[in-house]
Amino acid sequence: MGKLLASVLENYYQEKGNSFVFANGMTLNELAVEMDFRLNEKYGESFDNSILSRARKGKRTLTHTQAEIFCEILAEALEIDIEEIYHQVIFAIAQDLLWRYGIVVKSSANPKDFDLKPNGFGN
């Protein structure tokens, strides 16, 4: 379901013992708690670690609001532009969703060549 997203997420964490530590130094559980806080504050949505865990394993994708918050947290910690992460993540989610419905897109296009922002991103 989310195989391409899972491969993109691999760029942002390392396995340390029984934990997964993301590039910002947070464990999967800590990142999920921070995502829950920000999603609730900004959108009134909840989030738990099973969502992030399943996305990491390729068993699900993230919603655009979840992806936005995930990228926001990592971009802040890594001191990079959110667009660098966001385009990779959203492009992977789009490809995974197309694949889910039997649409295979073979493209060597750069994800940055597409306008992948949902309405209201960054508001």
PDB file of N, CA and C in Angstrom:
ATOM      1  N   MET A   1       0.807  -1.195   0.000  1.00  0.00           N
ATOM      2  CA  MET A   1       0.000   0.000   0.000  1.00  0.00           C
ATOM      3  C   MET A   1       0.853   1.263   0.000  1.00  0.00           C
ATOM      4  N   GLY A   2       1.856   1.347   0.843  1.00  0.00           N
ATOM      5  CA  GLY A   2       2.679   2.537   0.927  1.00  0.00           C
ATOM      6  C   GLY A   2       4.147   2.240   0.745  1.00  0.00           C
ATOM      7  N   LYS A   3       4.464   1.375  -0.206  1.00  0.00           N
ATOM      8  CA  LYS A   3       5.858   0.920  -0.370  1.00  0.00           C
ATOM      9  C   LYS A   3       6.805   2.056  -0.752  1.00  0.00           C
ATOM     10  N   LEU A   4       6.379   2.919  -1.660  1.00  0.00           N
ATOM     11  CA  LEU A   4       7.261   4.013  -2.063  1.00  0.00           C
ATOM     12  C   LEU A   4       7.425   5.004  -0.915  1.00  0.00           C
ATOM     13  N   LEU A   5       6.335   5.291  -0.207  1.00  0.00           N
ATOM     14  CA  LEU A   5       6.439   6.169   0.958  1.00  0.00           C
ATOM     15  C   LEU A   5       7.401   5.567   1.978  1.00  0.00           C
ATOM     16  N   ALA A   6       7.293   4.288   2.229  1.00  0.00           N
ATOM     17  CA  ALA A   6       8.184   3.628   3.190  1.00  0.00           C
ATOM     18  C   ALA A   6       9.644   3.802   2.783  1.00  0.00           C
ATOM     19  N   SER A   7       9.925   3.705   1.490  1.00  0.00           N
ATOM     20  CA  SER A   7      11.314   3.856   1.038  1.00  0.00           C
ATOM     21  C   SER A   7      11.794   5.302   1.208  1.00  0.00           C
ATOM     22  N   VAL A   8      10.898   6.269   1.049  1.00  0.00           N
ATOM     23  CA  VAL A   8      11.277   7.666   1.284  1.00  0.00           C
ATOM     24  C   VAL A   8      11.518   7.899   2.774  1.00  0.00           C
ATOM     25  N   LEU A   9      10.640   7.351   3.607  1.00  0.00           N
ATOM     26  CA  LEU A   9      10.796   7.519   5.056  1.00  0.00           C
ATOM     27  C   LEU A   9      12.112   6.931   5.555  1.00  0.00           C
ATOM     28  N   GLU A  10      12.594   5.873   4.901  1.00  0.00           N
ATOM     29  CA  GLU A  10      13.868   5.249   5.297  1.00  0.00           C
ATOM     30  C   GLU A  10      15.022   6.247   5.280  1.00  0.00           C
ATOM     31  N   ASN A  11      14.908   7.279   4.472  1.00  0.00           N
ATOM     32  CA  ASN A  11      15.959   8.297   4.404  1.00  0.00           C
ATOM     33  C   ASN A  11      16.037   9.138   5.665  1.00  0.00           C
ATOM     34  N   TYR A  12      15.013   9.050   6.510  1.00  0.00           N
ATOM     35  CA  TYR A  12      14.911   9.958   7.646  1.00  0.00           C
ATOM     36  C   TYR A  12      14.944   9.267   9.006  1.00  0.00           C
ATOM     37  N   TYR A  13      15.270   7.984   9.053  1.00  0.00           N
ATOM     38  CA  TYR A  13      15.415   7.311  10.341  1.00  0.00           C
ATOM     39  C   TYR A  13      16.483   6.235  10.274  1.00  0.00           C
ATOM     40  N   GLN A  14      16.941   5.848  11.465  1.00  0.00           N
ATOM     41  CA  GLN A  14      17.875   4.737  11.611  1.00  0.00           C
ATOM     42  C   GLN A  14      17.314   3.798  12.668  1.00  0.00           C
ATOM     43  N   GLU A  15      17.569   2.530  12.486  1.00  0.00           N
ATOM     44  CA  GLU A  15      17.172   1.546  13.486  1.00  0.00           C
ATOM     45  C   GLU A  15      18.290   1.447  14.514  1.00  0.00           C
ATOM     46  N   LYS A  16      17.913   1.659  15.778  1.00  0.00           N
ATOM     47  CA  LYS A  16      18.880   1.560  16.874  1.00  0.00           C
ATOM     48  C   LYS A  16      18.297   0.631  17.918  1.00  0.00           C
ATOM     49  N   GLY A  17      18.809  -0.598  17.940  1.00  0.00           N
ATOM     50  CA  GLY A  17      18.245  -1.603  18.839  1.00  0.00           C
ATOM     51  C   GLY A  17      16.817  -1.910  18.442  1.00  0.00           C
ATOM     52  N   ASN A  18      15.915  -1.754  19.392  1.00  0.00           N
ATOM     53  CA  ASN A  18      14.496  -1.980  19.115  1.00  0.00           C
ATOM     54  C   ASN A  18      13.761  -0.699  18.765  1.00  0.00           C
ATOM     55  N   SER A  19      14.497   0.403  18.572  1.00  0.00           N
ATOM     56  CA  SER A  19      13.881   1.703  18.318  1.00  0.00           C
ATOM     57  C   SER A  19      14.209   2.194  16.914  1.00  0.00           C
ATOM     58  N   PHE A  20      13.366   3.078  16.459  1.00  0.00           N
ATOM     59  CA  PHE A  20      13.609   3.785  15.208  1.00  0.00           C
ATOM     60  C   PHE A  20      13.790   5.247  15.566  1.00  0.00           C
ATOM     61  N   VAL A  21      14.966   5.777  15.262  1.00  0.00           N
ATOM     62  CA  VAL A  21      15.290   7.156  15.615  1.00  0.00           C
ATOM     63  C   VAL A  21      15.342   7.967  14.336  1.00  0.00           C
ATOM     64  N   PHE A  22      14.517   9.011  14.302  1.00  0.00           N
ATOM     65  CA  PHE A  22      14.433   9.858  13.120  1.00  0.00           C
ATOM     66  C   PHE A  22      15.553  10.887  13.117  1.00  0.00           C
ATOM     67  N   ALA A  23      15.744  11.526  11.977  1.00  0.00           N
ATOM     68  CA  ALA A  23      16.855  12.456  11.785  1.00  0.00           C
ATOM     69  C   ALA A  23      16.836  13.619  12.763  1.00  0.00           C
ATOM     70  N   ASN A  24      15.690  13.903  13.360  1.00  0.00           N
ATOM     71  CA  ASN A  24      15.607  14.986  14.344  1.00  0.00           C
ATOM     72  C   ASN A  24      15.924  14.512  15.756  1.00  0.00           C
ATOM     73  N   GLY A  25      16.314  13.228  15.907  1.00  0.00           N
ATOM     74  CA  GLY A  25      16.669  12.675  17.205  1.00  0.00           C
ATOM     75  C   GLY A  25      15.510  12.058  17.966  1.00  0.00           C
ATOM     76  N   MET A  26      14.294  12.194  17.448  1.00  0.00           N
ATOM     77  CA  MET A  26      13.122  11.629  18.120  1.00  0.00           C
ATOM     78  C   MET A  26      12.939  10.169  17.734  1.00  0.00           C
ATOM     79  N   THR A  27      12.489   9.372  18.696  1.00  0.00           N
ATOM     80  CA  THR A  27      12.091   8.002  18.382  1.00  0.00           C
ATOM     81  C   THR A  27      10.760   8.056  17.645  1.00  0.00           C
ATOM     82  N   LEU A  28      10.360   6.944  17.076  1.00  0.00           N
ATOM     83  CA  LEU A  28       9.078   6.868  16.381  1.00  0.00           C
ATOM     84  C   LEU A  28       7.942   7.300  17.315  1.00  0.00           C
ATOM     85  N   ASN A  29       7.964   6.824  18.554  1.00  0.00           N
ATOM     86  CA  ASN A  29       6.905   7.182  19.502  1.00  0.00           C
ATOM     87  C   ASN A  29       6.921   8.668  19.841  1.00  0.00           C
ATOM     88  N   GLU A  30       8.096   9.239  20.039  1.00  0.00           N
ATOM     89  CA  GLU A  30       8.192  10.668  20.341  1.00  0.00           C
ATOM     90  C   GLU A  30       7.716  11.520  19.163  1.00  0.00           C
ATOM     91  N   LEU A  31       8.096  11.112  17.957  1.00  0.00           N
ATOM     92  CA  LEU A  31       7.658  11.839  16.769  1.00  0.00           C
ATOM     93  C   LEU A  31       6.143  11.753  16.612  1.00  0.00           C
ATOM     94  N   ALA A  32       5.586  10.585  16.880  1.00  0.00           N
ATOM     95  CA  ALA A  32       4.135  10.413  16.789  1.00  0.00           C
ATOM     96  C   ALA A  32       3.407  11.302  17.801  1.00  0.00           C
ATOM     97  N   VAL A  33       3.949  11.423  19.011  1.00  0.00           N
ATOM     98  CA  VAL A  33       3.343  12.294  20.030  1.00  0.00           C
ATOM     99  C   VAL A  33       3.381  13.750  19.573  1.00  0.00           C
ATOM    100  N   GLU A  34       4.527  14.173  19.028  1.00  0.00           N
ATOM    101  CA  GLU A  34       4.642  15.547  18.531  1.00  0.00           C
ATOM    102  C   GLU A  34       3.696  15.783  17.349  1.00  0.00           C
ATOM    103  N   MET A  35       3.581  14.799  16.461  1.00  0.00           N
ATOM    104  CA  MET A  35       2.653  14.924  15.338  1.00  0.00           C
ATOM    105  C   MET A  35       1.221  15.033  15.840  1.00  0.00           C
ATOM    106  N   ASP A  36       0.871  14.220  16.828  1.00  0.00           N
ATOM    107  CA  ASP A  36      -0.471  14.269  17.402  1.00  0.00           C
ATOM    108  C   ASP A  36      -0.762  15.659  17.959  1.00  0.00           C
ATOM    109  N   PHE A  37       0.187  16.211  18.703  1.00  0.00           N
ATOM    110  CA  PHE A  37       0.010  17.536  19.284  1.00  0.00           C
ATOM    111  C   PHE A  37      -0.216  18.585  18.199  1.00  0.00           C
ATOM    112  N   ARG A  38       0.647  18.586  17.189  1.00  0.00           N
ATOM    113  CA  ARG A  38       0.550  19.609  16.138  1.00  0.00           C
ATOM    114  C   ARG A  38      -0.679  19.418  15.261  1.00  0.00           C
ATOM    115  N   LEU A  39      -1.006  18.169  14.946  1.00  0.00           N
ATOM    116  CA  LEU A  39      -2.207  17.912  14.140  1.00  0.00           C
ATOM    117  C   LEU A  39      -3.470  18.343  14.882  1.00  0.00           C
ATOM    118  N   ASN A  40      -3.499  18.073  16.170  1.00  0.00           N
ATOM    119  CA  ASN A  40      -4.657  18.468  16.962  1.00  0.00           C
ATOM    120  C   ASN A  40      -4.755  19.988  17.051  1.00  0.00           C
ATOM    121  N   GLU A  41      -3.618  20.621  17.267  1.00  0.00           N
ATOM    122  CA  GLU A  41      -3.583  22.079  17.398  1.00  0.00           C
ATOM    123  C   GLU A  41      -3.967  22.781  16.098  1.00  0.00           C
ATOM    124  N   LYS A  42      -3.461  22.299  14.985  1.00  0.00           N
ATOM    125  CA  LYS A  42      -3.648  22.975  13.696  1.00  0.00           C
ATOM    126  C   LYS A  42      -4.927  22.560  12.969  1.00  0.00           C
ATOM    127  N   TYR A  43      -5.281  21.256  13.057  1.00  0.00           N
ATOM    128  CA  TYR A  43      -6.393  20.737  12.263  1.00  0.00           C
ATOM    129  C   TYR A  43      -7.477  20.040  13.082  1.00  0.00           C
ATOM    130  N   GLY A  44      -7.264  19.876  14.384  1.00  0.00           N
ATOM    131  CA  GLY A  44      -8.234  19.158  15.204  1.00  0.00           C
ATOM    132  C   GLY A  44      -8.235  17.664  14.935  1.00  0.00           C
ATOM    133  N   GLU A  45      -7.118  17.154  14.412  1.00  0.00           N
ATOM    134  CA  GLU A  45      -6.986  15.726  14.102  1.00  0.00           C
ATOM    135  C   GLU A  45      -6.123  15.040  15.156  1.00  0.00           C
ATOM    136  N   SER A  46      -6.343  13.746  15.313  1.00  0.00           N
ATOM    137  CA  SER A  46      -5.502  12.974  16.225  1.00  0.00           C
ATOM    138  C   SER A  46      -4.580  12.062  15.423  1.00  0.00           C
ATOM    139  N   PHE A  47      -3.544  11.580  16.093  1.00  0.00           N
ATOM    140  CA  PHE A  47      -2.531  10.755  15.445  1.00  0.00           C
ATOM    141  C   PHE A  47      -1.920   9.859  16.510  1.00  0.00           C
ATOM    142  N   ASP A  48      -1.618   8.615  16.162  1.00  0.00           N
ATOM    143  CA  ASP A  48      -0.931   7.759  17.122  1.00  0.00           C
ATOM    144  C   ASP A  48       0.229   7.037  16.442  1.00  0.00           C
ATOM    145  N   ASN A  49       1.062   6.436  17.264  1.00  0.00           N
ATOM    146  CA  ASN A  49       2.290   5.842  16.736  1.00  0.00           C
ATOM    147  C   ASN A  49       2.040   4.691  15.770  1.00  0.00           C
ATOM    148  N   SER A  50       0.890   4.038  15.847  1.00  0.00           N
ATOM    149  CA  SER A  50       0.628   2.933  14.922  1.00  0.00           C
ATOM    150  C   SER A  50       0.520   3.424  13.477  1.00  0.00           C
ATOM    151  N   ILE A  51       0.060   4.649  13.287  1.00  0.00           N
ATOM    152  CA  ILE A  51      -0.041   5.209  11.933  1.00  0.00           C
ATOM    153  C   ILE A  51       1.358   5.366  11.341  1.00  0.00           C
ATOM    154  N   LEU A  52       2.246   5.970  12.104  1.00  0.00           N
ATOM    155  CA  LEU A  52       3.615   6.172  11.627  1.00  0.00           C
ATOM    156  C   LEU A  52       4.341   4.839  11.469  1.00  0.00           C
ATOM    157  N   SER A  53       4.101   3.917  12.379  1.00  0.00           N
ATOM    158  CA  SER A  53       4.723   2.602  12.299  1.00  0.00           C
ATOM    159  C   SER A  53       4.272   1.857  11.045  1.00  0.00           C
ATOM    160  N   ARG A  54       2.989   1.895  10.757  1.00  0.00           N
ATOM    161  CA  ARG A  54       2.470   1.220   9.566  1.00  0.00           C
ATOM    162  C   ARG A  54       2.957   1.889   8.277  1.00  0.00           C
ATOM    163  N   ALA A  55       3.088   3.213   8.293  1.00  0.00           N
ATOM    164  CA  ALA A  55       3.625   3.923   7.129  1.00  0.00           C
ATOM    165  C   ALA A  55       5.084   3.527   6.913  1.00  0.00           C
ATOM    166  N   ARG A  56       5.846   3.422   7.999  1.00  0.00           N
ATOM    167  CA  ARG A  56       7.253   3.024   7.911  1.00  0.00           C
ATOM    168  C   ARG A  56       7.396   1.635   7.316  1.00  0.00           C
ATOM    169  N   LYS A  57       6.447   0.751   7.619  1.00  0.00           N
ATOM    170  CA  LYS A  57       6.476  -0.622   7.119  1.00  0.00           C
ATOM    171  C   LYS A  57       5.876  -0.775   5.727  1.00  0.00           C
ATOM    172  N   GLY A  58       5.323   0.305   5.181  1.00  0.00           N
ATOM    173  CA  GLY A  58       4.717   0.246   3.859  1.00  0.00           C
ATOM    174  C   GLY A  58       3.305  -0.291   3.850  1.00  0.00           C
ATOM    175  N   LYS A  59       2.656  -0.317   5.006  1.00  0.00           N
ATOM    176  CA  LYS A  59       1.307  -0.872   5.108  1.00  0.00           C
ATOM    177  C   LYS A  59       0.210   0.178   4.997  1.00  0.00           C
ATOM    178  N   ARG A  60       0.598   1.450   4.963  1.00  0.00           N
ATOM    179  CA  ARG A  60      -0.371   2.521   4.791  1.00  0.00           C
ATOM    180  C   ARG A  60       0.351   3.777   4.332  1.00  0.00           C
ATOM    181  N   THR A  61      -0.410   4.767   3.919  1.00  0.00           N
ATOM    182  CA  THR A  61       0.170   6.061   3.580  1.00  0.00           C
ATOM    183  C   THR A  61      -0.235   7.058   4.655  1.00  0.00           C
ATOM    184  N   LEU A  62       0.210   8.271   4.502  1.00  0.00           N
ATOM    185  CA  LEU A  62      -0.185   9.350   5.387  1.00  0.00           C
ATOM    186  C   LEU A  62      -1.168  10.251   4.650  1.00  0.00           C
ATOM    187  N   THR A  63      -2.044  10.919   5.384  1.00  0.00           N
ATOM    188  CA  THR A  63      -2.905  11.930   4.765  1.00  0.00           C
ATOM    189  C   THR A  63      -2.040  13.148   4.461  1.00  0.00           C
ATOM    190  N   HIS A  64      -2.569  14.087   3.667  1.00  0.00           N
ATOM    191  CA  HIS A  64      -1.745  15.254   3.343  1.00  0.00           C
ATOM    192  C   HIS A  64      -1.451  16.092   4.587  1.00  0.00           C
ATOM    193  N   THR A  65      -2.381  16.142   5.548  1.00  0.00           N
ATOM    194  CA  THR A  65      -2.105  16.909   6.766  1.00  0.00           C
ATOM    195  C   THR A  65      -1.053  16.197   7.617  1.00  0.00           C
ATOM    196  N   GLN A  66      -1.117  14.879   7.687  1.00  0.00           N
ATOM    197  CA  GLN A  66      -0.104  14.120   8.423  1.00  0.00           C
ATOM    198  C   GLN A  66       1.261  14.287   7.768  1.00  0.00           C
ATOM    199  N   ALA A  67       1.296  14.223   6.439  1.00  0.00           N
ATOM    200  CA  ALA A  67       2.554  14.395   5.709  1.00  0.00           C
ATOM    201  C   ALA A  67       3.125  15.798   5.937  1.00  0.00           C
ATOM    202  N   GLU A  68       2.254  16.790   5.916  1.00  0.00           N
ATOM    203  CA  GLU A  68       2.698  18.168   6.135  1.00  0.00           C
ATOM    204  C   GLU A  68       3.356  18.324   7.504  1.00  0.00           C
ATOM    205  N   ILE A  69       2.712  17.804   8.538  1.00  0.00           N
ATOM    206  CA  ILE A  69       3.241  17.934   9.896  1.00  0.00           C
ATOM    207  C   ILE A  69       4.534  17.131  10.054  1.00  0.00           C
ATOM    208  N   PHE A  70       4.570  15.913   9.502  1.00  0.00           N
ATOM    209  CA  PHE A  70       5.790  15.099   9.530  1.00  0.00           C
ATOM    210  C   PHE A  70       6.959  15.886   8.931  1.00  0.00           C
ATOM    211  N   CYS A  71       6.732  16.451   7.757  1.00  0.00           N
ATOM    212  CA  CYS A  71       7.787  17.189   7.061  1.00  0.00           C
ATOM    213  C   CYS A  71       8.163  18.459   7.805  1.00  0.00           C
ATOM    214  N   GLU A  72       7.183  19.125   8.382  1.00  0.00           N
ATOM    215  CA  GLU A  72       7.422  20.344   9.149  1.00  0.00           C
ATOM    216  C   GLU A  72       8.366  20.070  10.328  1.00  0.00           C
ATOM    217  N   ILE A  73       8.090  19.012  11.058  1.00  0.00           N
ATOM    218  CA  ILE A  73       8.902  18.666  12.226  1.00  0.00           C
ATOM    219  C   ILE A  73      10.336  18.343  11.820  1.00  0.00           C
ATOM    220  N   LEU A  74      10.494  17.526  10.788  1.00  0.00           N
ATOM    221  CA  LEU A  74      11.848  17.156  10.357  1.00  0.00           C
ATOM    222  C   LEU A  74      12.590  18.346   9.757  1.00  0.00           C
ATOM    223  N   ALA A  75      11.905  19.152   8.964  1.00  0.00           N
ATOM    224  CA  ALA A  75      12.556  20.311   8.340  1.00  0.00           C
ATOM    225  C   ALA A  75      13.060  21.287   9.402  1.00  0.00           C
ATOM    226  N   GLU A  76      12.273  21.499  10.448  1.00  0.00           N
ATOM    227  CA  GLU A  76      12.705  22.385  11.540  1.00  0.00           C
ATOM    228  C   GLU A  76      13.971  21.849  12.199  1.00  0.00           C
ATOM    229  N   ALA A  77      13.984  20.573  12.493  1.00  0.00           N
ATOM    230  CA  ALA A  77      15.123  19.972  13.189  1.00  0.00           C
ATOM    231  C   ALA A  77      16.373  19.938  12.313  1.00  0.00           C
ATOM    232  N   LEU A  78      16.181  19.688  11.031  1.00  0.00           N
ATOM    233  CA  LEU A  78      17.310  19.585  10.114  1.00  0.00           C
ATOM    234  C   LEU A  78      17.720  20.941   9.544  1.00  0.00           C
ATOM    235  N   GLU A  79      16.923  21.959   9.884  1.00  0.00           N
ATOM    236  CA  GLU A  79      17.160  23.321   9.401  1.00  0.00           C
ATOM    237  C   GLU A  79      17.258  23.372   7.880  1.00  0.00           C
ATOM    238  N   ILE A  80      16.288  22.734   7.233  1.00  0.00           N
ATOM    239  CA  ILE A  80      16.188  22.779   5.776  1.00  0.00           C
ATOM    240  C   ILE A  80      14.794  23.262   5.402  1.00  0.00           C
ATOM    241  N   ASP A  81      14.633  23.621   4.147  1.00  0.00           N
ATOM    242  CA  ASP A  81      13.344  24.065   3.641  1.00  0.00           C
ATOM    243  C   ASP A  81      12.381  22.879   3.623  1.00  0.00           C
ATOM    244  N   ILE A  82      11.187  23.074   4.120  1.00  0.00           N
ATOM    245  CA  ILE A  82      10.182  22.004   4.171  1.00  0.00           C
ATOM    246  C   ILE A  82       9.918  21.412   2.793  1.00  0.00           C
ATOM    247  N   GLU A  83      10.038  22.223   1.753  1.00  0.00           N
ATOM    248  CA  GLU A  83       9.768  21.750   0.391  1.00  0.00           C
ATOM    249  C   GLU A  83      10.672  20.585  -0.003  1.00  0.00           C
ATOM    250  N   GLU A  84      11.901  20.558   0.516  1.00  0.00           N
ATOM    251  CA  GLU A  84      12.835  19.486   0.178  1.00  0.00           C
ATOM    252  C   GLU A  84      12.291  18.119   0.592  1.00  0.00           C
ATOM    253  N   ILE A  85      11.672  18.063   1.755  1.00  0.00           N
ATOM    254  CA  ILE A  85      11.111  16.811   2.238  1.00  0.00           C
ATOM    255  C   ILE A  85       9.704  16.603   1.707  1.00  0.00           C
ATOM    256  N   TYR A  86       8.919  17.668   1.722  1.00  0.00           N
ATOM    257  CA  TYR A  86       7.498  17.575   1.382  1.00  0.00           C
ATOM    258  C   TYR A  86       7.266  17.013  -0.023  1.00  0.00           C
ATOM    259  N   HIS A  87       8.017  17.502  -1.005  1.00  0.00           N
ATOM    260  CA  HIS A  87       7.831  17.009  -2.369  1.00  0.00           C
ATOM    261  C   HIS A  87       8.121  15.515  -2.475  1.00  0.00           C
ATOM    262  N   GLN A  88       9.159  15.045  -1.809  1.00  0.00           N
ATOM    263  CA  GLN A  88       9.480  13.613  -1.839  1.00  0.00           C
ATOM    264  C   GLN A  88       8.353  12.791  -1.229  1.00  0.00           C
ATOM    265  N   VAL A  89       7.868  13.229  -0.069  1.00  0.00           N
ATOM    266  CA  VAL A  89       6.847  12.479   0.661  1.00  0.00           C
ATOM    267  C   VAL A  89       5.518  12.474  -0.099  1.00  0.00           C
ATOM    268  N   ILE A  90       5.067  13.630  -0.551  1.00  0.00           N
ATOM    269  CA  ILE A  90       3.777  13.709  -1.247  1.00  0.00           C
ATOM    270  C   ILE A  90       3.829  12.978  -2.586  1.00  0.00           C
ATOM    271  N   PHE A  91       4.943  13.077  -3.298  1.00  0.00           N
ATOM    272  CA  PHE A  91       5.085  12.356  -4.561  1.00  0.00           C
ATOM    273  C   PHE A  91       5.004  10.848  -4.326  1.00  0.00           C
ATOM    274  N   ALA A  92       5.652  10.372  -3.261  1.00  0.00           N
ATOM    275  CA  ALA A  92       5.612   8.946  -2.925  1.00  0.00           C
ATOM    276  C   ALA A  92       4.188   8.516  -2.569  1.00  0.00           C
ATOM    277  N   ILE A  93       3.484   9.339  -1.787  1.00  0.00           N
ATOM    278  CA  ILE A  93       2.101   9.019  -1.428  1.00  0.00           C
ATOM    279  C   ILE A  93       1.230   8.959  -2.678  1.00  0.00           C
ATOM    280  N   ALA A  94       1.392   9.920  -3.572  1.00  0.00           N
ATOM    281  CA  ALA A  94       0.602   9.938  -4.812  1.00  0.00           C
ATOM    282  C   ALA A  94       0.862   8.685  -5.643  1.00  0.00           C
ATOM    283  N   GLN A  95       2.120   8.313  -5.778  1.00  0.00           N
ATOM    284  CA  GLN A  95       2.475   7.108  -6.545  1.00  0.00           C
ATOM    285  C   GLN A  95       1.884   5.857  -5.888  1.00  0.00           C
ATOM    286  N   ASP A  96       1.962   5.787  -4.558  1.00  0.00           N
ATOM    287  CA  ASP A  96       1.403   4.629  -3.842  1.00  0.00           C
ATOM    288  C   ASP A  96      -0.108   4.531  -4.028  1.00  0.00           C
ATOM    289  N   LEU A  97      -0.799   5.666  -3.980  1.00  0.00           N
ATOM    290  CA  LEU A  97      -2.251   5.658  -4.152  1.00  0.00           C
ATOM    291  C   LEU A  97      -2.633   5.275  -5.581  1.00  0.00           C
ATOM    292  N   LEU A  98      -1.890   5.757  -6.549  1.00  0.00           N
ATOM    293  CA  LEU A  98      -2.150   5.361  -7.937  1.00  0.00           C
ATOM    294  C   LEU A  98      -1.938   3.863  -8.104  1.00  0.00           C
ATOM    295  N   TRP A  99      -0.849   3.350  -7.541  1.00  0.00           N
ATOM    296  CA  TRP A  99      -0.555   1.915  -7.626  1.00  0.00           C
ATOM    297  C   TRP A  99      -1.677   1.098  -6.992  1.00  0.00           C
ATOM    298  N   ARG A 100      -2.199   1.593  -5.872  1.00  0.00           N
ATOM    299  CA  ARG A 100      -3.295   0.897  -5.174  1.00  0.00           C
ATOM    300  C   ARG A 100      -4.493   0.656  -6.088  1.00  0.00           C
ATOM    301  N   TYR A 101      -4.721   1.583  -6.993  1.00  0.00           N
ATOM    302  CA  TYR A 101      -5.852   1.465  -7.909  1.00  0.00           C
ATOM    303  C   TYR A 101      -5.435   0.941  -9.281  1.00  0.00           C
ATOM    304  N   GLY A 102      -4.252   0.366  -9.350  1.00  0.00           N
ATOM    305  CA  GLY A 102      -3.818  -0.290 -10.573  1.00  0.00           C
ATOM    306  C   GLY A 102      -3.225   0.616 -11.620  1.00  0.00           C
ATOM    307  N   ILE A 103      -2.903   1.832 -11.250  1.00  0.00           N
ATOM    308  CA  ILE A 103      -2.316   2.769 -12.202  1.00  0.00           C
ATOM    309  C   ILE A 103      -0.827   2.859 -11.915  1.00  0.00           C
ATOM    310  N   VAL A 104      -0.035   2.413 -12.870  1.00  0.00           N
ATOM    311  CA  VAL A 104       1.411   2.449 -12.712  1.00  0.00           C
ATOM    312  C   VAL A 104       1.945   3.582 -13.570  1.00  0.00           C
ATOM    313  N   VAL A 105       2.612   4.507 -12.923  1.00  0.00           N
ATOM    314  CA  VAL A 105       3.190   5.639 -13.628  1.00  0.00           C
ATOM    315  C   VAL A 105       4.686   5.431 -13.696  1.00  0.00           C
ATOM    316  N   LYS A 106       5.177   5.280 -14.893  1.00  0.00           N
ATOM    317  CA  LYS A 106       6.618   5.133 -15.081  1.00  0.00           C
ATOM    318  C   LYS A 106       7.145   6.486 -15.527  1.00  0.00           C
ATOM    319  N   SER A 107       7.844   7.115 -14.627  1.00  0.00           N
ATOM    320  CA  SER A 107       8.318   8.459 -14.912  1.00  0.00           C
ATOM    321  C   SER A 107       9.659   8.666 -14.240  1.00  0.00           C
ATOM    322  N   SER A 108      10.510   9.347 -14.937  1.00  0.00           N
ATOM    323  CA  SER A 108      11.779   9.728 -14.330  1.00  0.00           C
ATOM    324  C   SER A 108      11.736  11.192 -13.924  1.00  0.00           C
ATOM    325  N   ALA A 109      10.519  11.739 -13.911  1.00  0.00           N
ATOM    326  CA  ALA A 109      10.355  13.145 -13.556  1.00  0.00           C
ATOM    327  C   ALA A 109      10.783  13.393 -12.120  1.00  0.00           C
ATOM    328  N   ASN A 110      11.276  14.561 -11.903  1.00  0.00           N
ATOM    329  CA  ASN A 110      11.658  14.995 -10.568  1.00  0.00           C
ATOM    330  C   ASN A 110      10.397  15.431  -9.832  1.00  0.00           C
ATOM    331  N   PRO A 111      10.159  14.950  -8.613  1.00  0.00           N
ATOM    332  CA  PRO A 111       8.970  15.355  -7.863  1.00  0.00           C
ATOM    333  C   PRO A 111       8.842  16.865  -7.709  1.00  0.00           C
ATOM    334  N   LYS A 112       9.950  17.579  -7.744  1.00  0.00           N
ATOM    335  CA  LYS A 112       9.906  19.031  -7.609  1.00  0.00           C
ATOM    336  C   LYS A 112       9.302  19.702  -8.847  1.00  0.00           C
ATOM    337  N   ASP A 113       9.135  18.955  -9.945  1.00  0.00           N
ATOM    338  CA  ASP A 113       8.551  19.507 -11.157  1.00  0.00           C
ATOM    339  C   ASP A 113       7.035  19.606 -11.087  1.00  0.00           C
ATOM    340  N   PHE A 114       6.439  19.046 -10.049  1.00  0.00           N
ATOM    341  CA  PHE A 114       4.990  19.022  -9.915  1.00  0.00           C
ATOM    342  C   PHE A 114       4.550  19.935  -8.782  1.00  0.00           C
ATOM    343  N   ASP A 115       3.370  20.519  -8.943  1.00  0.00           N
ATOM    344  CA  ASP A 115       2.767  21.289  -7.856  1.00  0.00           C
ATOM    345  C   ASP A 115       1.965  20.304  -7.032  1.00  0.00           C
ATOM    346  N   LEU A 116       2.526  19.850  -5.934  1.00  0.00           N
ATOM    347  CA  LEU A 116       1.920  18.795  -5.141  1.00  0.00           C
ATOM    348  C   LEU A 116       1.296  19.313  -3.860  1.00  0.00           C
ATOM    349  N   LYS A 117       1.113  20.602  -3.744  1.00  0.00           N
ATOM    350  CA  LYS A 117       0.556  21.161  -2.532  1.00  0.00           C
ATOM    351  C   LYS A 117      -0.973  21.032  -2.547  1.00  0.00           C
ATOM    352  N   PRO A 118      -1.535  20.474  -1.506  1.00  0.00           N
ATOM    353  CA  PRO A 118      -3.002  20.471  -1.408  1.00  0.00           C
ATOM    354  C   PRO A 118      -3.478  21.889  -1.111  1.00  0.00           C
ATOM    355  N   ASN A 119      -4.720  22.162  -1.400  1.00  0.00           N
ATOM    356  CA  ASN A 119      -5.274  23.480  -1.079  1.00  0.00           C
ATOM    357  C   ASN A 119      -5.103  23.757   0.395  1.00  0.00           C
ATOM    358  N   GLY A 120      -4.642  24.939   0.711  1.00  0.00           N
ATOM    359  CA  GLY A 120      -4.510  25.334   2.089  1.00  0.00           C
ATOM    360  C   GLY A 120      -3.175  24.996   2.717  1.00  0.00           C
ATOM    361  N   PHE A 121      -2.243  24.383   1.979  1.00  0.00           N
ATOM    362  CA  PHE A 121      -0.943  24.051   2.563  1.00  0.00           C
ATOM    363  C   PHE A 121      -0.245  25.332   2.999  1.00  0.00           C
ATOM    364  N   GLY A 122       0.247  25.290   4.199  1.00  0.00           N
ATOM    365  CA  GLY A 122       1.011  26.405   4.705  1.00  0.00           C
ATOM    366  C   GLY A 122       0.177  27.504   5.335  1.00  0.00           C
ATOM    367  N   ASN A 123      -1.122  27.300   5.392  1.00  0.00           N
ATOM    368  CA  ASN A 123      -1.982  28.328   6.017  1.00  0.00           C
ATOM    369  C   ASN A 123      -1.982  28.199   7.503  1.00  0.00           C
TER     370      ASN A 123
END
